[in-house]
C-alpha atoms as a PDB file:
ATOM      1  CA  MET A   1      -0.163  -0.016  -0.033  1.00  0.00           C
ATOM      2  CA  SER A   2       1.509   3.377  -0.954  1.00  0.00           C
ATOM      3  CA  PHE A   3       1.999   5.615   1.830  1.00  0.00           C
ATOM      4  CA  HIS A   4       2.859   9.536   1.485  1.00  0.00           C
ATOM      5  CA  GLU A   5       2.235  12.910   1.452  1.00  0.00           C
ATOM      6  CA  HIS A   6      -0.215  12.880  -0.789  1.00  0.00           C
ATOM      7  CA  ASN A   7      -2.277  10.352   0.708  1.00  0.00           C
ATOM      8  CA  THR A   8      -1.149  10.823   4.449  1.00  0.00           C
ATOM      9  CA  GLN A   9      -4.327  11.624   6.469  1.00  0.00           C
ATOM     10  CA  GLN A  10      -7.091   8.845   4.453  1.00  0.00           C
ATOM     11  CA  ARG A  11      -4.310   5.656   4.525  1.00  0.00           C
ATOM     12  CA  ILE A  12      -3.720   6.216   8.030  1.00  0.00           C
ATOM     13  CA  PRO A  13      -7.424   5.204   9.813  1.00  0.00           C
ATOM     14  CA  THR A  14      -7.466   2.468   6.948  1.00  0.00           C
ATOM     15  CA  ILE A  15      -3.619   1.481   8.328  1.00  0.00           C
ATOM     16  CA  LEU A  16      -4.492   1.658  12.421  1.00  0.00           C
ATOM     17  CA  LYS A  17      -7.647  -0.096  11.370  1.00  0.00           C
ATOM     18  CA  MET A  18      -5.934  -3.525  10.061  1.00  0.00           C
ATOM     19  CA  LEU A  19      -2.885  -3.162  13.130  1.00  0.00           C
ATOM     20  CA  GLU A  20      -6.380  -3.088  15.445  1.00  0.00           C
ATOM     21  CA  ASP A  21      -7.301  -6.941  13.485  1.00  0.00           C
ATOM     22  CA  GLY A  22      -4.445  -8.373  14.346  1.00  0.00           C
ATOM     23  CA  GLN A  23      -2.058  -7.601  11.206  1.00  0.00           C
ATOM     24  CA  GLN A  24       1.212  -6.689  11.186  1.00  0.00           C
ATOM     25  CA  ILE A  25       2.346  -4.256   9.423  1.00  0.00           C
ATOM     26  CA  ALA A  26       6.299  -2.775   8.679  1.00  0.00           C
ATOM     27  CA  GLN A  27       6.781   0.483   7.111  1.00  0.00           C
ATOM     28  CA  VAL A  28       9.635   0.834   4.335  1.00  0.00           C
ATOM     29  CA  SER A  29      10.973   3.711   2.957  1.00  0.00           C
ATOM     30  CA  ASP A  30      12.039   4.403  -0.991  1.00  0.00           C
ATOM     31  CA  ALA A  31      15.552   6.574   0.006  1.00  0.00           C
ATOM     32  CA  GLY A  32      16.757   6.654   4.229  1.00  0.00           C
ATOM     33  CA  MET A  33      15.050   5.559   7.574  1.00  0.00           C
ATOM     34  CA  PRO A  34      11.718   5.079   7.619  1.00  0.00           C
ATOM     35  CA  SER A  35       9.939   8.396   9.535  1.00  0.00           C
ATOM     36  CA  ILE A  36      12.679  10.382   9.782  1.00  0.00           C
ATOM     37  CA  SER A  37      12.235  13.859   7.629  1.00  0.00           C
ATOM     38  CA  ASP A  38       9.078  11.348   5.445  1.00  0.00           C
ATOM     39  CA  PRO A  39       5.422  11.169   6.598  1.00  0.00           C
ATOM     40  CA  GLY A  40       6.146   7.807   8.437  1.00  0.00           C
ATOM     41  CA  GLN A  41       6.022   9.656  11.540  1.00  0.00           C
ATOM     42  CA  GLU A  42       2.582  10.464  11.350  1.00  0.00           C
ATOM     43  CA  LEU A  43       1.678   7.007  10.984  1.00  0.00           C
ATOM     44  CA  VAL A  44       3.794   5.839  13.945  1.00  0.00           C
ATOM     45  CA  LYS A  45       2.148   9.334  15.793  1.00  0.00           C
ATOM     46  CA  ALA A  46      -0.960   8.074  15.056  1.00  0.00           C
ATOM     47  CA  ALA A  47      -0.546   4.727  16.221  1.00  0.00           C
ATOM     48  CA  VAL A  48       1.498   5.739  19.488  1.00  0.00           C
ATOM     49  CA  SER A  49      -1.310   7.265  20.005  1.00  0.00           C
ATOM     50  CA  GLN A  50      -4.129   4.222  19.655  1.00  0.00           C
ATOM     51  CA  HIS A  51      -1.819   2.369  22.110  1.00  0.00           C
ATOM     52  CA  LEU A  52      -0.442   0.450  19.143  1.00  0.00           C
ATOM     53  CA  ASN A  53       2.586  -1.522  19.367  1.00  0.00           C
ATOM     54  CA  VAL A  54       5.481  -0.062  17.441  1.00  0.00           C
ATOM     55  CA  VAL A  55       7.987  -2.089  16.903  1.00  0.00           C
ATOM     56  CA  PRO A  56      11.620  -0.259  15.054  1.00  0.00           C
ATOM     57  CA  LEU A  57      14.032  -2.087  12.732  1.00  0.00           C
ATOM     58  CA  PRO A  58      17.732  -0.619  13.002  1.00  0.00           C
ATOM     59  CA  GLY A  59      18.853  -0.522   9.551  1.00  0.00           C
ATOM     60  CA  SER A  60      21.392   1.269   6.912  1.00  0.00           C
ATOM     61  CA  ASN A  61      21.347   5.086   7.792  1.00  0.00           C
ATOM     62  CA  ALA A  62      23.356   7.645   5.255  1.00  0.00           C
ATOM     63  CA  GLY A  63      23.882  10.425   7.672  1.00  0.00           C
ATOM     64  CA  ILE A  64      25.391   8.524  10.044  1.00  0.00           C
ATOM     65  CA  THR A  65      27.404   6.471   7.451  1.00  0.00           C
ATOM     66  CA  ALA A  66      27.879   9.910   6.132  1.00  0.00           C
ATOM     67  CA  LEU A  67      29.729  10.859   9.219  1.00  0.00           C
ATOM     68  CA  ILE A  68      31.433   7.280  10.398  1.00  0.00           C
ATOM     69  CA  ALA A  69      33.273   7.420   6.337  1.00  0.00           C
ATOM     70  CA  SER A  70      34.087  11.935   7.245  1.00  0.00           C
ATOM     71  CA  GLY A  71      36.926  11.031   9.105  1.00  0.00           C
ATOM     72  CA  LEU A  72      35.103  14.237  11.630  1.00  0.00           C
ATOM     73  CA  VAL A  73      35.346  13.296  14.964  1.00  0.00           C
ATOM     74  CA  PRO A  74      31.344  11.868  15.792  1.00  0.00           C
ATOM     75  CA  GLN A  75      30.813  13.594  18.629  1.00  0.00           C
ATOM     76  CA  PRO A  76      28.999  16.125  18.944  1.00  0.00           C
ATOM     77  CA  PHE A  77      26.368  15.350  16.697  1.00  0.00           C
ATOM     78  CA  THR A  78      23.085  16.933  15.389  1.00  0.00           C
ATOM     79  CA  PHE A  79      20.873  15.510  13.035  1.00  0.00           C
ATOM     80  CA  TYR A  80      19.150  18.832  11.461  1.00  0.00           C
ATOM     81  CA  GLY A  81      16.310  17.314   8.498  1.00  0.00           C
ATOM     82  CA  PHE A  82      16.791  18.466   5.255  1.00  0.00           C
ATOM     83  CA  LEU A  83      17.079  21.368   3.989  1.00  0.00           C
ATOM     84  CA  SER A  84      14.668  23.462   1.877  1.00  0.00           C
ATOM     85  CA  ARG A  85      15.703  23.350  -2.381  1.00  0.00           C
ATOM     86  CA  LYS A  86      15.821  27.454  -1.570  1.00  0.00           C
ATOM     87  CA  THR A  87      18.599  28.944  -1.420  1.00  0.00           C
ATOM     88  CA  LYS A  88      17.827  32.070  -0.060  1.00  0.00           C
ATOM     89  CA  GLU A  89      15.583  29.611   2.784  1.00  0.00           C
ATOM     90  CA  GLN A  90      18.906  27.118   3.137  1.00  0.00           C
ATOM     91  CA  LYS A  91      21.033  30.074   4.366  1.00  0.00           C
ATOM     92  CA  LYS A  92      18.984  30.768   6.922  1.00  0.00           C
ATOM     93  CA  SER A  93      18.363  27.442   8.821  1.00  0.00           C
ATOM     94  CA  LEU A  94      22.594  27.295   8.492  1.00  0.00           C
ATOM     95  CA  LYS A  95      22.250  30.608  10.279  1.00  0.00           C
ATOM     96  CA  PHE A  96      22.433  29.990  14.196  1.00  0.00           C
END
């Protein structure tokens, strides 16, 4: 079943009903870890609010992999999320 930014609100009730009926569902992402910078977080939030069990499975993480390969000291490390595609917004976000 597809689940993306354009159908999140329509799919959440259907998926929650499936979980309530005892079905087991896996959330996968086409890029990166599910629920990090994608609408999967909304599904997890809805499931937790209904006291449904959520079991995360660790997988590859491009940000951590890049950090390890960079040679930089890995602490401290902060994940900010994706920057805007607009240059002006990128500059604004990167100013502390």
